[in-house]
């Protein structure tokens, strides 16, 4: 700790992680490494496939490509540092690195939530307003929506980061989790944090809840439209929407639970956090892209071209 005025400022935090049992740590390291490699390889493959095949130039594939890029960024915030800790038994993280981790966690996480909401709107426009779809989701609008997702994620994260760094930290410095997040870090502040907790609930919890409700509403409109207007394809659309809702629930559900509850209960649900920090990015490529026949056909053609060259 570093002396500052009448108190000592914390210069590093201790992440208690999951367990001190070596066998469990090896198992967790192997699981997280496989998940991380799977996320990287699958999303890189999706990005290369979309950008090299002119047939995949529709707004849907443009958004899917951006989702893959966000998943790569989001997954690279926590698991690498966590795996290093499991492998080396090092549990400390310097204050600046902790702040950087929570900043990029909220930056990429919020951007992904906004993008998933935009993707649901894209499907709503394609199915419910097919005659106006090309006008609504033109290339310029797609870029504007994606840029707005990143800008919204940045502003959301900036508020959280500024909220955290302006608090005094004079000890203790142990975080009962495997990563740094705003509710976990502000608990260690040497001041009243009731105002900060309220801001967290309004900034993270309510934003997540509103995005989730908008997303669910879009899928409901899609199902109703398909049911009323089309005689065929309802069950296929129902299956697709259902699988999408399962994945977004893995992302949005824990976040709503985490950020709308008191910060003191956050660490008790650290295993739930794994669903949106690790497993949700693994599921996204499988559900949103790998089930798509056009994408799979393009991947096969890409593979044949690579073998031929």
C-alpha atoms as a PDB file:
ATOM      1  CA  UNK A   1       0.000   0.000   0.000  1.00  0.00           C
ATOM      2  CA  UNK A   2       1.052   3.583  -0.614  1.00  0.00           C
ATOM      3  CA  UNK A   3       0.699   6.350   1.969  1.00  0.00           C
ATOM      4  CA  UNK A   4      -1.577   9.154   0.829  1.00  0.00           C
ATOM      5  CA  UNK A   5      -2.575  11.898   3.276  1.00  0.00           C
ATOM      6  CA  UNK A   6      -3.921  10.348   6.460  1.00  0.00           C
ATOM      7  CA  UNK A   7      -4.471   6.891   4.940  1.00  0.00           C
ATOM      8  CA  UNK A   8      -2.680   4.293   2.839  1.00  0.00           C
ATOM      9  CA  UNK A   9      -3.853   3.802  -0.705  1.00  0.00           C
ATOM     10  CA  UNK A  10      -4.257   0.254  -2.030  1.00  0.00           C
ATOM     11  CA  UNK A  11      -1.831  -0.434  -4.893  1.00  0.00           C
ATOM     12  CA  UNK A  12      -2.927  -3.997  -5.633  1.00  0.00           C
ATOM     13  CA  UNK A  13      -5.818  -6.373  -5.032  1.00  0.00           C
ATOM     14  CA  UNK A  14      -5.862 -10.076  -4.213  1.00  0.00           C
ATOM     15  CA  UNK A  15      -8.245 -12.193  -6.315  1.00  0.00           C
ATOM     16  CA  UNK A  16      -9.254 -15.194  -4.228  1.00  0.00           C
ATOM     17  CA  UNK A  17     -10.432 -17.082  -7.323  1.00  0.00           C
ATOM     18  CA  UNK A  18     -12.201 -20.442  -7.145  1.00  0.00           C
ATOM     19  CA  UNK A  19     -10.232 -22.827  -4.964  1.00  0.00           C
ATOM     20  CA  UNK A  20      -6.776 -23.612  -3.593  1.00  0.00           C
ATOM     21  CA  UNK A  21      -7.074 -27.296  -4.536  1.00  0.00           C
ATOM     22  CA  UNK A  22      -4.496 -28.007  -7.246  1.00  0.00           C
ATOM     23  CA  UNK A  23      -6.587 -30.736  -8.914  1.00  0.00           C
ATOM     24  CA  UNK A  24      -9.551 -28.377  -9.329  1.00  0.00           C
ATOM     25  CA  UNK A  25      -7.298 -25.599 -10.587  1.00  0.00           C
ATOM     26  CA  UNK A  26      -5.866 -27.877 -13.291  1.00  0.00           C
ATOM     27  CA  UNK A  27      -9.367 -28.918 -14.328  1.00  0.00           C
ATOM     28  CA  UNK A  28     -10.563 -25.309 -14.474  1.00  0.00           C
ATOM     29  CA  UNK A  29      -7.472 -24.223 -16.411  1.00  0.00           C
ATOM     30  CA  UNK A  30      -8.012 -26.954 -19.006  1.00  0.00           C
ATOM     31  CA  UNK A  31     -11.721 -26.163 -19.348  1.00  0.00           C
ATOM     32  CA  UNK A  32     -11.188 -22.410 -19.691  1.00  0.00           C
ATOM     33  CA  UNK A  33      -8.299 -22.868 -22.127  1.00  0.00           C
ATOM     34  CA  UNK A  34     -10.390 -25.096 -24.396  1.00  0.00           C
ATOM     35  CA  UNK A  35     -13.314 -22.662 -24.216  1.00  0.00           C
ATOM     36  CA  UNK A  36     -11.080 -19.692 -24.991  1.00  0.00           C
ATOM     37  CA  UNK A  37      -9.395 -21.385 -27.951  1.00  0.00           C
ATOM     38  CA  UNK A  38     -12.812 -22.478 -29.261  1.00  0.00           C
ATOM     39  CA  UNK A  39     -14.124 -18.920 -29.060  1.00  0.00           C
ATOM     40  CA  UNK A  40     -11.080 -17.502 -30.858  1.00  0.00           C
ATOM     41  CA  UNK A  41     -10.970 -20.077 -33.651  1.00  0.00           C
ATOM     42  CA  UNK A  42     -14.729 -20.172 -34.316  1.00  0.00           C
ATOM     43  CA  UNK A  43     -15.132 -16.389 -34.384  1.00  0.00           C
ATOM     44  CA  UNK A  44     -12.051 -15.821 -36.539  1.00  0.00           C
ATOM     45  CA  UNK A  45     -13.426 -18.421 -38.956  1.00  0.00           C
ATOM     46  CA  UNK A  46     -16.782 -16.613 -39.058  1.00  0.00           C
ATOM     47  CA  UNK A  47     -15.159 -13.224 -39.712  1.00  0.00           C
ATOM     48  CA  UNK A  48     -12.950 -14.588 -42.511  1.00  0.00           C
ATOM     49  CA  UNK A  49     -15.887 -16.449 -44.076  1.00  0.00           C
ATOM     50  CA  UNK A  50     -18.190 -13.422 -44.083  1.00  0.00           C
ATOM     51  CA  UNK A  51     -15.573 -11.026 -45.442  1.00  0.00           C
ATOM     52  CA  UNK A  52     -14.379 -13.368 -48.221  1.00  0.00           C
ATOM     53  CA  UNK A  53     -17.779 -14.481 -49.546  1.00  0.00           C
ATOM     54  CA  UNK A  54     -19.737 -11.809 -51.495  1.00  0.00           C
ATOM     55  CA  UNK A  55     -22.940 -13.800 -50.971  1.00  0.00           C
ATOM     56  CA  UNK A  56     -22.765 -13.026 -47.257  1.00  0.00           C
ATOM     57  CA  UNK A  57     -23.115  -9.280 -47.676  1.00  0.00           C
ATOM     58  CA  UNK A  58     -26.561  -8.805 -46.152  1.00  0.00           C
ATOM     59  CA  UNK A  59     -27.061  -6.744 -42.964  1.00  0.00           C
ATOM     60  CA  UNK A  60     -27.601  -9.924 -40.939  1.00  0.00           C
ATOM     61  CA  UNK A  61     -24.143 -11.279 -41.756  1.00  0.00           C
ATOM     62  CA  UNK A  62     -22.570  -7.862 -41.268  1.00  0.00           C
ATOM     63  CA  UNK A  63     -23.994  -7.815 -37.732  1.00  0.00           C
ATOM     64  CA  UNK A  64     -22.968 -11.437 -37.120  1.00  0.00           C
ATOM     65  CA  UNK A  65     -19.419 -10.556 -38.156  1.00  0.00           C
ATOM     66  CA  UNK A  66     -19.384  -7.697 -35.667  1.00  0.00           C
ATOM     67  CA  UNK A  67     -20.775 -10.001 -32.974  1.00  0.00           C
ATOM     68  CA  UNK A  68     -17.869 -12.373 -33.592  1.00  0.00           C
ATOM     69  CA  UNK A  69     -15.376  -9.519 -33.235  1.00  0.00           C
ATOM     70  CA  UNK A  70     -16.996  -8.364 -29.971  1.00  0.00           C
ATOM     71  CA  UNK A  71     -16.970 -11.943 -28.654  1.00  0.00           C
ATOM     72  CA  UNK A  72     -13.228 -12.153 -29.293  1.00  0.00           C
ATOM     73  CA  UNK A  73     -12.673  -8.865 -27.460  1.00  0.00           C
ATOM     74  CA  UNK A  74     -15.046  -9.728 -24.613  1.00  0.00           C
ATOM     75  CA  UNK A  75     -13.548 -13.174 -24.048  1.00  0.00           C
ATOM     76  CA  UNK A  76     -10.022 -11.752 -24.006  1.00  0.00           C
ATOM     77  CA  UNK A  77     -10.723  -9.513 -20.990  1.00  0.00           C
ATOM     78  CA  UNK A  78     -11.038 -12.046 -18.153  1.00  0.00           C
ATOM     79  CA  UNK A  79     -10.088 -15.677 -19.088  1.00  0.00           C
ATOM     80  CA  UNK A  80      -6.408 -15.039 -20.056  1.00  0.00           C
ATOM     81  CA  UNK A  81      -5.633 -13.298 -16.742  1.00  0.00           C
ATOM     82  CA  UNK A  82      -7.637 -15.947 -14.875  1.00  0.00           C
ATOM     83  CA  UNK A  83      -5.789 -18.818 -16.567  1.00  0.00           C
ATOM     84  CA  UNK A  84      -2.423 -17.249 -15.768  1.00  0.00           C
ATOM     85  CA  UNK A  85      -3.495 -17.042 -12.127  1.00  0.00           C
ATOM     86  CA  UNK A  86      -4.536 -20.717 -12.100  1.00  0.00           C
ATOM     87  CA  UNK A  87      -1.260 -21.775 -13.693  1.00  0.00           C
ATOM     88  CA  UNK A  88       1.170 -19.651 -11.686  1.00  0.00           C
ATOM     89  CA  UNK A  89      -0.752 -19.447  -8.391  1.00  0.00           C
ATOM     90  CA  UNK A  90      -0.441 -15.668  -8.626  1.00  0.00           C
ATOM     91  CA  UNK A  91      -3.520 -14.016  -7.179  1.00  0.00           C
ATOM     92  CA  UNK A  92      -2.503 -10.359  -7.032  1.00  0.00           C
ATOM     93  CA  UNK A  93      -3.486  -7.764  -9.604  1.00  0.00           C
ATOM     94  CA  UNK A  94      -2.229  -4.183  -9.516  1.00  0.00           C
ATOM     95  CA  UNK A  95      -4.770  -1.405  -9.049  1.00  0.00           C
ATOM     96  CA  UNK A  96      -4.369  -0.023 -12.591  1.00  0.00           C
ATOM     97  CA  UNK A  97      -4.784  -3.473 -14.173  1.00  0.00           C
ATOM     98  CA  UNK A  98      -7.890  -4.091 -12.079  1.00  0.00           C
ATOM     99  CA  UNK A  99      -9.436  -0.808 -13.240  1.00  0.00           C
ATOM    100  CA  UNK A 100      -8.514  -1.613 -16.855  1.00  0.00           C
ATOM    101  CA  UNK A 101     -10.143  -5.030 -16.538  1.00  0.00           C
ATOM    102  CA  UNK A 102     -13.446  -3.680 -15.236  1.00  0.00           C
ATOM    103  CA  UNK A 103     -13.400  -0.929 -17.892  1.00  0.00           C
ATOM    104  CA  UNK A 104     -12.974  -3.334 -20.821  1.00  0.00           C
ATOM    105  CA  UNK A 105     -15.372  -5.835 -19.230  1.00  0.00           C
ATOM    106  CA  UNK A 106     -18.189  -3.272 -19.227  1.00  0.00           C
ATOM    107  CA  UNK A 107     -17.100  -1.736 -22.542  1.00  0.00           C
ATOM    108  CA  UNK A 108     -17.244  -4.992 -24.495  1.00  0.00           C
ATOM    109  CA  UNK A 109     -20.098  -6.482 -22.468  1.00  0.00           C
ATOM    110  CA  UNK A 110     -22.417  -3.496 -22.900  1.00  0.00           C
ATOM    111  CA  UNK A 111     -21.489  -3.197 -26.591  1.00  0.00           C
ATOM    112  CA  UNK A 112     -22.432  -6.862 -27.089  1.00  0.00           C
ATOM    113  CA  UNK A 113     -25.780  -6.383 -25.349  1.00  0.00           C
ATOM    114  CA  UNK A 114     -26.586  -3.392 -27.541  1.00  0.00           C
ATOM    115  CA  UNK A 115     -25.534  -5.318 -30.654  1.00  0.00           C
ATOM    116  CA  UNK A 116     -27.700  -8.329 -29.771  1.00  0.00           C
ATOM    117  CA  UNK A 117     -30.632  -5.931 -29.402  1.00  0.00           C
ATOM    118  CA  UNK A 118     -29.855  -4.431 -32.827  1.00  0.00           C
ATOM    119  CA  UNK A 119     -29.671  -7.940 -34.309  1.00  0.00           C
ATOM    120  CA  UNK A 120     -33.112  -8.739 -32.914  1.00  0.00           C
ATOM    121  CA  UNK A 121     -34.412  -5.526 -34.482  1.00  0.00           C
ATOM    122  CA  UNK A 122     -32.797  -6.517 -37.798  1.00  0.00           C
ATOM    123  CA  UNK A 123     -34.682  -9.835 -37.785  1.00  0.00           C
ATOM    124  CA  UNK A 124     -37.882  -8.003 -36.829  1.00  0.00           C
ATOM    125  CA  UNK A 125     -37.474  -5.615 -39.779  1.00  0.00           C
ATOM    126  CA  UNK A 126     -36.655  -8.478 -42.184  1.00  0.00           C
ATOM    127  CA  UNK A 127     -39.684 -10.580 -41.244  1.00  0.00           C
ATOM    128  CA  UNK A 128     -42.291  -8.045 -40.137  1.00  0.00           C
ATOM    129  CA  UNK A 129     -41.475  -5.290 -42.669  1.00  0.00           C
ATOM    130  CA  UNK A 130     -39.990  -7.183 -45.660  1.00  0.00           C
ATOM    131  CA  UNK A 131     -40.949  -4.553 -48.290  1.00  0.00           C
ATOM    132  CA  UNK A 132     -39.100  -1.812 -46.408  1.00  0.00           C
ATOM    133  CA  UNK A 133     -36.223  -3.929 -45.093  1.00  0.00           C
ATOM    134  CA  UNK A 134     -33.584  -2.853 -47.618  1.00  0.00           C
ATOM    135  CA  UNK A 135     -34.444   0.778 -46.936  1.00  0.00           C
ATOM    136  CA  UNK A 136     -34.498   0.406 -43.149  1.00  0.00           C
ATOM    137  CA  UNK A 137     -31.303  -1.662 -42.859  1.00  0.00           C
ATOM    138  CA  UNK A 138     -29.156  -0.122 -45.564  1.00  0.00           C
ATOM    139  CA  UNK A 139     -25.356  -0.179 -45.318  1.00  0.00           C
ATOM    140  CA  UNK A 140     -25.172   3.296 -43.842  1.00  0.00           C
ATOM    141  CA  UNK A 141     -27.732   2.429 -41.158  1.00  0.00           C
ATOM    142  CA  UNK A 142     -25.859  -0.776 -40.289  1.00  0.00           C
ATOM    143  CA  UNK A 143     -22.613   1.096 -39.727  1.00  0.00           C
ATOM    144  CA  UNK A 144     -24.448   3.748 -37.707  1.00  0.00           C
ATOM    145  CA  UNK A 145     -26.081   1.124 -35.473  1.00  0.00           C
ATOM    146  CA  UNK A 146     -22.818  -0.761 -34.886  1.00  0.00           C
ATOM    147  CA  UNK A 147     -21.007   2.502 -34.118  1.00  0.00           C
ATOM    148  CA  UNK A 148     -23.787   3.435 -31.702  1.00  0.00           C
ATOM    149  CA  UNK A 149     -23.360   0.064 -29.945  1.00  0.00           C
ATOM    150  CA  UNK A 150     -19.649   0.679 -29.413  1.00  0.00           C
ATOM    151  CA  UNK A 151     -20.214   4.304 -28.371  1.00  0.00           C
ATOM    152  CA  UNK A 152     -22.940   3.267 -25.927  1.00  0.00           C
ATOM    153  CA  UNK A 153     -20.697   0.595 -24.451  1.00  0.00           C
ATOM    154  CA  UNK A 154     -17.842   3.076 -24.095  1.00  0.00           C
ATOM    155  CA  UNK A 155     -19.976   5.711 -22.322  1.00  0.00           C
ATOM    156  CA  UNK A 156     -21.525   3.079 -20.064  1.00  0.00           C
ATOM    157  CA  UNK A 157     -18.092   1.761 -19.088  1.00  0.00           C
ATOM    158  CA  UNK A 158     -16.600   5.226 -18.690  1.00  0.00           C
ATOM    159  CA  UNK A 159     -19.255   6.136 -16.108  1.00  0.00           C
ATOM    160  CA  UNK A 160     -18.482   2.987 -14.106  1.00  0.00           C
ATOM    161  CA  UNK A 161     -14.733   3.498 -14.305  1.00  0.00           C
ATOM    162  CA  UNK A 162     -14.850   7.135 -13.221  1.00  0.00           C
ATOM    163  CA  UNK A 163     -17.227   6.161 -10.430  1.00  0.00           C
ATOM    164  CA  UNK A 164     -14.707   3.600  -9.172  1.00  0.00           C
ATOM    165  CA  UNK A 165     -11.389   5.458  -9.471  1.00  0.00           C
ATOM    166  CA  UNK A 166     -12.629   8.512  -7.558  1.00  0.00           C
ATOM    167  CA  UNK A 167     -13.276   6.392  -4.434  1.00  0.00           C
ATOM    168  CA  UNK A 168     -10.605   6.122  -1.700  1.00  0.00           C
ATOM    169  CA  UNK A 169      -9.182   2.612  -1.174  1.00  0.00           C
ATOM    170  CA  UNK A 170      -7.228   2.103   2.043  1.00  0.00           C
ATOM    171  CA  UNK A 171      -7.833  -1.611   2.681  1.00  0.00           C
ATOM    172  CA  UNK A 172      -8.775  -4.405   2.837  1.00  0.00           C
ATOM    173  CA  UNK A 173      -7.740  -5.441  -0.649  1.00  0.00           C
ATOM    174  CA  UNK A 174      -9.102  -8.983  -1.077  1.00  0.00           C
ATOM    175  CA  UNK A 175     -11.708  -9.566  -3.821  1.00  0.00           C
ATOM    176  CA  UNK A 176     -13.727 -12.752  -3.343  1.00  0.00           C
ATOM    177  CA  UNK A 177     -13.892 -13.559  -7.060  1.00  0.00           C
ATOM    178  CA  UNK A 178     -11.703 -14.356 -10.065  1.00  0.00           C
ATOM    179  CA  UNK A 179     -11.988 -10.949 -11.773  1.00  0.00           C
ATOM    180  CA  UNK A 180     -12.426  -7.262 -11.048  1.00  0.00           C
ATOM    181  CA  UNK A 181     -15.873  -5.738 -11.392  1.00  0.00           C
ATOM    182  CA  UNK A 182     -17.349  -2.504 -10.114  1.00  0.00           C
ATOM    183  CA  UNK A 183     -19.624  -3.982  -7.388  1.00  0.00           C
ATOM    184  CA  UNK A 184     -16.726  -6.080  -6.079  1.00  0.00           C
ATOM    185  CA  UNK A 185     -14.167  -3.281  -6.051  1.00  0.00           C
ATOM    186  CA  UNK A 186     -16.302  -0.498  -4.542  1.00  0.00           C
ATOM    187  CA  UNK A 187     -17.075  -2.732  -1.540  1.00  0.00           C
ATOM    188  CA  UNK A 188     -13.444  -2.171  -0.529  1.00  0.00           C
ATOM    189  CA  UNK A 189     -13.729   1.629  -0.593  1.00  0.00           C
ATOM    190  CA  UNK A 190     -13.167   3.528   2.654  1.00  0.00           C
ATOM    191  CA  UNK A 191     -16.333   5.595   2.335  1.00  0.00           C
ATOM    192  CA  UNK A 192     -20.091   5.333   2.057  1.00  0.00           C
ATOM    193  CA  UNK A 193     -20.982   3.652  -1.263  1.00  0.00           C
ATOM    194  CA  UNK A 194     -24.792   3.778  -1.138  1.00  0.00           C
ATOM    195  CA  UNK A 195     -24.887   6.412  -3.892  1.00  0.00           C
ATOM    196  CA  UNK A 196     -22.485   4.387  -6.017  1.00  0.00           C
ATOM    197  CA  UNK A 197     -24.597   1.256  -5.584  1.00  0.00           C
ATOM    198  CA  UNK A 198     -27.685   3.123  -6.761  1.00  0.00           C
ATOM    199  CA  UNK A 199     -25.817   4.368  -9.818  1.00  0.00           C
ATOM    200  CA  UNK A 200     -24.650   0.839 -10.618  1.00  0.00           C
ATOM    201  CA  UNK A 201     -28.214  -0.469 -10.418  1.00  0.00           C
ATOM    202  CA  UNK A 202     -29.499   2.255 -12.718  1.00  0.00           C
ATOM    203  CA  UNK A 203     -26.586   2.185 -15.151  1.00  0.00           C
ATOM    204  CA  UNK A 204     -25.991  -1.563 -15.473  1.00  0.00           C
ATOM    205  CA  UNK A 205     -29.050  -3.311 -14.104  1.00  0.00           C
ATOM    206  CA  UNK A 206     -31.751  -1.221 -15.747  1.00  0.00           C
ATOM    207  CA  UNK A 207     -29.910  -0.911 -19.083  1.00  0.00           C
ATOM    208  CA  UNK A 208     -29.521  -4.677 -19.192  1.00  0.00           C
ATOM    209  CA  UNK A 209     -33.165  -5.216 -18.257  1.00  0.00           C
ATOM    210  CA  UNK A 210     -34.445  -2.750 -20.874  1.00  0.00           C
ATOM    211  CA  UNK A 211     -32.290  -4.270 -23.635  1.00  0.00           C
ATOM    212  CA  UNK A 212     -33.489  -7.752 -22.703  1.00  0.00           C
ATOM    213  CA  UNK A 213     -37.153  -6.696 -22.767  1.00  0.00           C
ATOM    214  CA  UNK A 214     -36.717  -4.996 -26.159  1.00  0.00           C
ATOM    215  CA  UNK A 215     -35.009  -8.101 -27.500  1.00  0.00           C
ATOM    216  CA  UNK A 216     -37.718 -10.457 -26.219  1.00  0.00           C
ATOM    217  CA  UNK A 217     -40.438  -8.161 -27.582  1.00  0.00           C
ATOM    218  CA  UNK A 218     -38.809  -8.239 -31.031  1.00  0.00           C
ATOM    219  CA  UNK A 219     -38.831 -12.035 -31.060  1.00  0.00           C
ATOM    220  CA  UNK A 220     -42.457 -12.115 -29.931  1.00  0.00           C
ATOM    221  CA  UNK A 221     -43.455  -9.825 -32.820  1.00  0.00           C
ATOM    222  CA  UNK A 222     -41.492 -12.078 -35.192  1.00  0.00           C
ATOM    223  CA  UNK A 223     -43.283 -15.217 -33.995  1.00  0.00           C
ATOM    224  CA  UNK A 224     -46.708 -13.570 -34.163  1.00  0.00           C
ATOM    225  CA  UNK A 225     -46.039 -12.249 -37.678  1.00  0.00           C
ATOM    226  CA  UNK A 226     -44.833 -15.620 -38.970  1.00  0.00           C
ATOM    227  CA  UNK A 227     -47.794 -17.361 -37.361  1.00  0.00           C
ATOM    228  CA  UNK A 228     -50.326 -14.993 -38.944  1.00  0.00           C
ATOM    229  CA  UNK A 229     -48.833 -14.366 -42.403  1.00  0.00           C
ATOM    230  CA  UNK A 230     -47.127 -17.626 -43.317  1.00  0.00           C
ATOM    231  CA  UNK A 231     -48.442 -21.162 -43.396  1.00  0.00           C
ATOM    232  CA  UNK A 232     -44.996 -22.752 -43.408  1.00  0.00           C
ATOM    233  CA  UNK A 233     -41.810 -22.149 -41.522  1.00  0.00           C
ATOM    234  CA  UNK A 234     -43.356 -21.275 -38.154  1.00  0.00           C
ATOM    235  CA  UNK A 235     -41.733 -24.127 -36.260  1.00  0.00           C
ATOM    236  CA  UNK A 236     -38.359 -23.436 -37.847  1.00  0.00           C
ATOM    237  CA  UNK A 237     -38.590 -19.771 -36.830  1.00  0.00           C
ATOM    238  CA  UNK A 238     -39.783 -20.830 -33.370  1.00  0.00           C
ATOM    239  CA  UNK A 239     -36.764 -23.127 -33.016  1.00  0.00           C
ATOM    240  CA  UNK A 240     -34.380 -20.368 -34.157  1.00  0.00           C
ATOM    241  CA  UNK A 241     -35.907 -17.719 -31.880  1.00  0.00           C
ATOM    242  CA  UNK A 242     -35.973 -20.171 -28.990  1.00  0.00           C
ATOM    243  CA  UNK A 243     -32.278 -21.002 -29.332  1.00  0.00           C
ATOM    244  CA  UNK A 244     -31.445 -17.293 -29.600  1.00  0.00           C
ATOM    245  CA  UNK A 245     -33.427 -16.553 -26.449  1.00  0.00           C
ATOM    246  CA  UNK A 246     -31.614 -19.306 -24.548  1.00  0.00           C
ATOM    247  CA  UNK A 247     -28.244 -17.768 -25.437  1.00  0.00           C
ATOM    248  CA  UNK A 248     -29.234 -14.176 -24.656  1.00  0.00           C
ATOM    249  CA  UNK A 249     -30.765 -15.327 -21.375  1.00  0.00           C
ATOM    250  CA  UNK A 250     -27.361 -16.802 -20.434  1.00  0.00           C
ATOM    251  CA  UNK A 251     -25.902 -13.352 -21.031  1.00  0.00           C
ATOM    252  CA  UNK A 252     -28.634 -10.998 -19.835  1.00  0.00           C
ATOM    253  CA  UNK A 253     -30.113 -13.083 -17.001  1.00  0.00           C
ATOM    254  CA  UNK A 254     -27.030 -13.233 -14.748  1.00  0.00           C
ATOM    255  CA  UNK A 255     -26.236  -9.569 -15.473  1.00  0.00           C
ATOM    256  CA  UNK A 256     -29.734  -8.513 -14.409  1.00  0.00           C
ATOM    257  CA  UNK A 257     -29.406 -10.662 -11.302  1.00  0.00           C
ATOM    258  CA  UNK A 258     -25.923  -9.352 -10.498  1.00  0.00           C
ATOM    259  CA  UNK A 259     -26.392  -5.637 -10.961  1.00  0.00           C
ATOM    260  CA  UNK A 260     -29.908  -5.226  -9.562  1.00  0.00           C
ATOM    261  CA  UNK A 261     -28.999  -6.811  -6.235  1.00  0.00           C
ATOM    262  CA  UNK A 262     -26.960  -5.378  -3.335  1.00  0.00           C
ATOM    263  CA  UNK A 263     -23.220  -5.334  -4.009  1.00  0.00           C
ATOM    264  CA  UNK A 264     -22.612  -7.373  -0.855  1.00  0.00           C
ATOM    265  CA  UNK A 265     -24.273 -10.380  -2.516  1.00  0.00           C
ATOM    266  CA  UNK A 266     -22.261 -10.138  -5.726  1.00  0.00           C
ATOM    267  CA  UNK A 267     -19.362 -12.337  -4.705  1.00  0.00           C
ATOM    268  CA  UNK A 268     -21.677 -15.133  -3.517  1.00  0.00           C
ATOM    269  CA  UNK A 269     -22.778 -15.575  -7.141  1.00  0.00           C
ATOM    270  CA  UNK A 270     -19.327 -15.676  -8.728  1.00  0.00           C
ATOM    271  CA  UNK A 271     -20.043 -19.055 -10.343  1.00  0.00           C
ATOM    272  CA  UNK A 272     -23.072 -17.534 -12.087  1.00  0.00           C
ATOM    273  CA  UNK A 273     -20.736 -14.920 -13.570  1.00  0.00           C
ATOM    274  CA  UNK A 274     -19.087 -17.693 -15.580  1.00  0.00           C
ATOM    275  CA  UNK A 275     -22.185 -17.924 -17.767  1.00  0.00           C
ATOM    276  CA  UNK A 276     -21.650 -14.474 -19.284  1.00  0.00           C
ATOM    277  CA  UNK A 277     -17.861 -14.167 -18.987  1.00  0.00           C
ATOM    278  CA  UNK A 278     -17.004 -17.553 -20.515  1.00  0.00           C
ATOM    279  CA  UNK A 279     -19.858 -19.785 -21.667  1.00  0.00           C
ATOM    280  CA  UNK A 280     -22.059 -17.241 -23.458  1.00  0.00           C
ATOM    281  CA  UNK A 281     -19.265 -16.329 -25.942  1.00  0.00           C
ATOM    282  CA  UNK A 282     -18.805 -20.067 -26.595  1.00  0.00           C
ATOM    283  CA  UNK A 283     -22.499 -20.490 -27.422  1.00  0.00           C
ATOM    284  CA  UNK A 284     -22.854 -17.430 -29.683  1.00  0.00           C
ATOM    285  CA  UNK A 285     -21.036 -18.864 -32.748  1.00  0.00           C
ATOM    286  CA  UNK A 286     -22.826 -22.202 -32.398  1.00  0.00           C
ATOM    287  CA  UNK A 287     -26.318 -20.729 -32.177  1.00  0.00           C
ATOM    288  CA  UNK A 288     -26.147 -17.564 -34.264  1.00  0.00           C
ATOM    289  CA  UNK A 289     -23.904 -18.729 -37.109  1.00  0.00           C
ATOM    290  CA  UNK A 290     -22.964 -22.426 -37.244  1.00  0.00           C
ATOM    291  CA  UNK A 291     -26.632 -23.461 -37.653  1.00  0.00           C
ATOM    292  CA  UNK A 292     -26.945 -21.238 -40.720  1.00  0.00           C
ATOM    293  CA  UNK A 293     -26.850 -23.220 -43.988  1.00  0.00           C
ATOM    294  CA  UNK A 294     -25.413 -20.350 -46.037  1.00  0.00           C
ATOM    295  CA  UNK A 295     -22.567 -19.809 -43.592  1.00  0.00           C
ATOM    296  CA  UNK A 296     -21.774 -23.521 -43.439  1.00  0.00           C
ATOM    297  CA  UNK A 297     -21.759 -23.722 -47.250  1.00  0.00           C
ATOM    298  CA  UNK A 298     -19.411 -20.720 -47.429  1.00  0.00           C
ATOM    299  CA  UNK A 299     -17.119 -22.295 -44.853  1.00  0.00           C
ATOM    300  CA  UNK A 300     -16.960 -25.487 -46.929  1.00  0.00           C
ATOM    301  CA  UNK A 301     -16.045 -23.468 -50.024  1.00  0.00           C
ATOM    302  CA  UNK A 302     -13.406 -21.581 -48.030  1.00  0.00           C
ATOM    303  CA  UNK A 303     -11.960 -24.869 -46.785  1.00  0.00           C
ATOM    304  CA  UNK A 304     -11.826 -26.267 -50.333  1.00  0.00           C
ATOM    305  CA  UNK A 305     -10.082 -23.113 -51.589  1.00  0.00           C
ATOM    306  CA  UNK A 306      -7.527 -23.352 -48.787  1.00  0.00           C
ATOM    307  CA  UNK A 307      -6.863 -27.018 -49.549  1.00  0.00           C
ATOM    308  CA  UNK A 308      -6.587 -26.284 -53.244  1.00  0.00           C
ATOM    309  CA  UNK A 309      -4.047 -23.529 -52.709  1.00  0.00           C
END
